[in-house]
C-alpha atoms as a PDB file:
ATOM      1  CA  MET A   1       8.424 -22.949 -10.850  1.00  0.00           C
ATOM      2  CA  ARG A   2       7.761 -26.394  -9.654  1.00  0.00           C
ATOM      3  CA  SER A   3       7.197 -27.241  -5.960  1.00  0.00           C
ATOM      4  CA  GLY A   4       7.325 -30.861  -4.892  1.00  0.00           C
ATOM      5  CA  CYS A   5       4.305 -32.695  -6.413  1.00  0.00           C
ATOM      6  CA  ARG A   6       2.409 -29.572  -7.043  1.00  0.00           C
ATOM      7  CA  PRO A   7       1.698 -28.567 -10.691  1.00  0.00           C
ATOM      8  CA  ALA A   8       3.891 -25.996 -12.289  1.00  0.00           C
ATOM      9  CA  ARG A   9       2.750 -22.363 -11.666  1.00  0.00           C
ATOM     10  CA  SER A  10       3.869 -19.091 -13.205  1.00  0.00           C
ATOM     11  CA  VAL A  11       4.138 -15.870 -11.374  1.00  0.00           C
ATOM     12  CA  ASP A  12       4.566 -12.420 -13.034  1.00  0.00           C
ATOM     13  CA  ALA A  13       7.559 -10.360 -11.950  1.00  0.00           C
ATOM     14  CA  ILE A  14       8.190  -6.615 -12.224  1.00  0.00           C
ATOM     15  CA  VAL A  15      11.678  -5.301 -12.339  1.00  0.00           C
ATOM     16  CA  LEU A  16      12.107  -2.186 -10.175  1.00  0.00           C
ATOM     17  CA  PRO A  17      14.793   0.376  -9.963  1.00  0.00           C
ATOM     18  CA  PRO A  18      17.595  -0.281  -7.461  1.00  0.00           C
ATOM     19  CA  PHE A  19      16.863   0.196  -3.783  1.00  0.00           C
ATOM     20  CA  SER A  20      13.040   0.141  -4.377  1.00  0.00           C
ATOM     21  CA  GLU A  21      10.860  -1.315  -1.757  1.00  0.00           C
ATOM     22  CA  VAL A  22       9.693  -4.780  -2.796  1.00  0.00           C
ATOM     23  CA  LEU A  23       6.199  -6.186  -2.113  1.00  0.00           C
ATOM     24  CA  VAL A  24       5.566  -9.902  -2.251  1.00  0.00           C
ATOM     25  CA  GLY A  25       1.910 -10.993  -2.452  1.00  0.00           C
ATOM     26  CA  GLN A  26       0.273 -13.466  -0.243  1.00  0.00           C
ATOM     27  CA  THR A  27      -0.404 -15.872  -3.150  1.00  0.00           C
ATOM     28  CA  VAL A  28       3.434 -16.092  -3.882  1.00  0.00           C
ATOM     29  CA  LEU A  29       4.264 -16.536  -0.272  1.00  0.00           C
ATOM     30  CA  LYS A  30       1.722 -19.429   0.009  1.00  0.00           C
ATOM     31  CA  PHE A  31       3.064 -20.997  -3.156  1.00  0.00           C
ATOM     32  CA  LEU A  32       6.544 -20.793  -1.655  1.00  0.00           C
ATOM     33  CA  ASP A  33       5.248 -22.304   1.561  1.00  0.00           C
ATOM     34  CA  LEU A  34       6.259 -19.151   3.563  1.00  0.00           C
ATOM     35  CA  ILE A  35       4.410 -17.317   6.423  1.00  0.00           C
ATOM     36  CA  ALA A  36       4.938 -13.574   7.009  1.00  0.00           C
ATOM     37  CA  ASP A  37       5.714 -13.005  10.706  1.00  0.00           C
ATOM     38  CA  SER A  38       4.566  -9.447  11.087  1.00  0.00           C
ATOM     39  CA  ARG A  39       5.645  -9.092  14.710  1.00  0.00           C
ATOM     40  CA  ASN A  40       9.287  -9.895  13.928  1.00  0.00           C
ATOM     41  CA  ARG A  41       9.110  -8.713  10.349  1.00  0.00           C
ATOM     42  CA  THR A  42      10.498 -12.012   8.964  1.00  0.00           C
ATOM     43  CA  LEU A  43       9.439 -14.775   6.581  1.00  0.00           C
ATOM     44  CA  LYS A  44       9.261 -18.229   8.183  1.00  0.00           C
ATOM     45  CA  PRO A  45       8.629 -21.740   6.558  1.00  0.00           C
ATOM     46  CA  ARG A  46       5.134 -23.011   7.020  1.00  0.00           C
ATOM     47  CA  MET A  47       6.403 -26.302   8.269  1.00  0.00           C
ATOM     48  CA  PRO A  48      10.002 -25.590   9.628  1.00  0.00           C
ATOM     49  CA  ASP A  49      10.854 -29.284  10.217  1.00  0.00           C
ATOM     50  CA  TYR A  50      11.976 -29.818   6.613  1.00  0.00           C
ATOM     51  CA  PRO A  51      12.275 -27.765   3.330  1.00  0.00           C
ATOM     52  CA  LEU A  52       9.206 -27.925   1.142  1.00  0.00           C
ATOM     53  CA  LEU A  53      10.651 -26.269  -1.917  1.00  0.00           C
ATOM     54  CA  ASN A  54      14.113 -27.076  -3.468  1.00  0.00           C
ATOM     55  CA  MET A  55      15.387 -23.950  -5.283  1.00  0.00           C
ATOM     56  CA  LYS A  56      18.299 -23.915  -7.561  1.00  0.00           C
END
């Protein structure tokens, strides 16, 4: 994956059975410029004014 002017990084993925609970590590969230809001149980962009990662 590439993110803006950052160098390309790779992240290992594990395929789980259907309906399994998914855990996303803090390193991956930081790479995607997301912050975990534990109070509301949501993911929010680190800088909500504009997108930092263009995903296709």
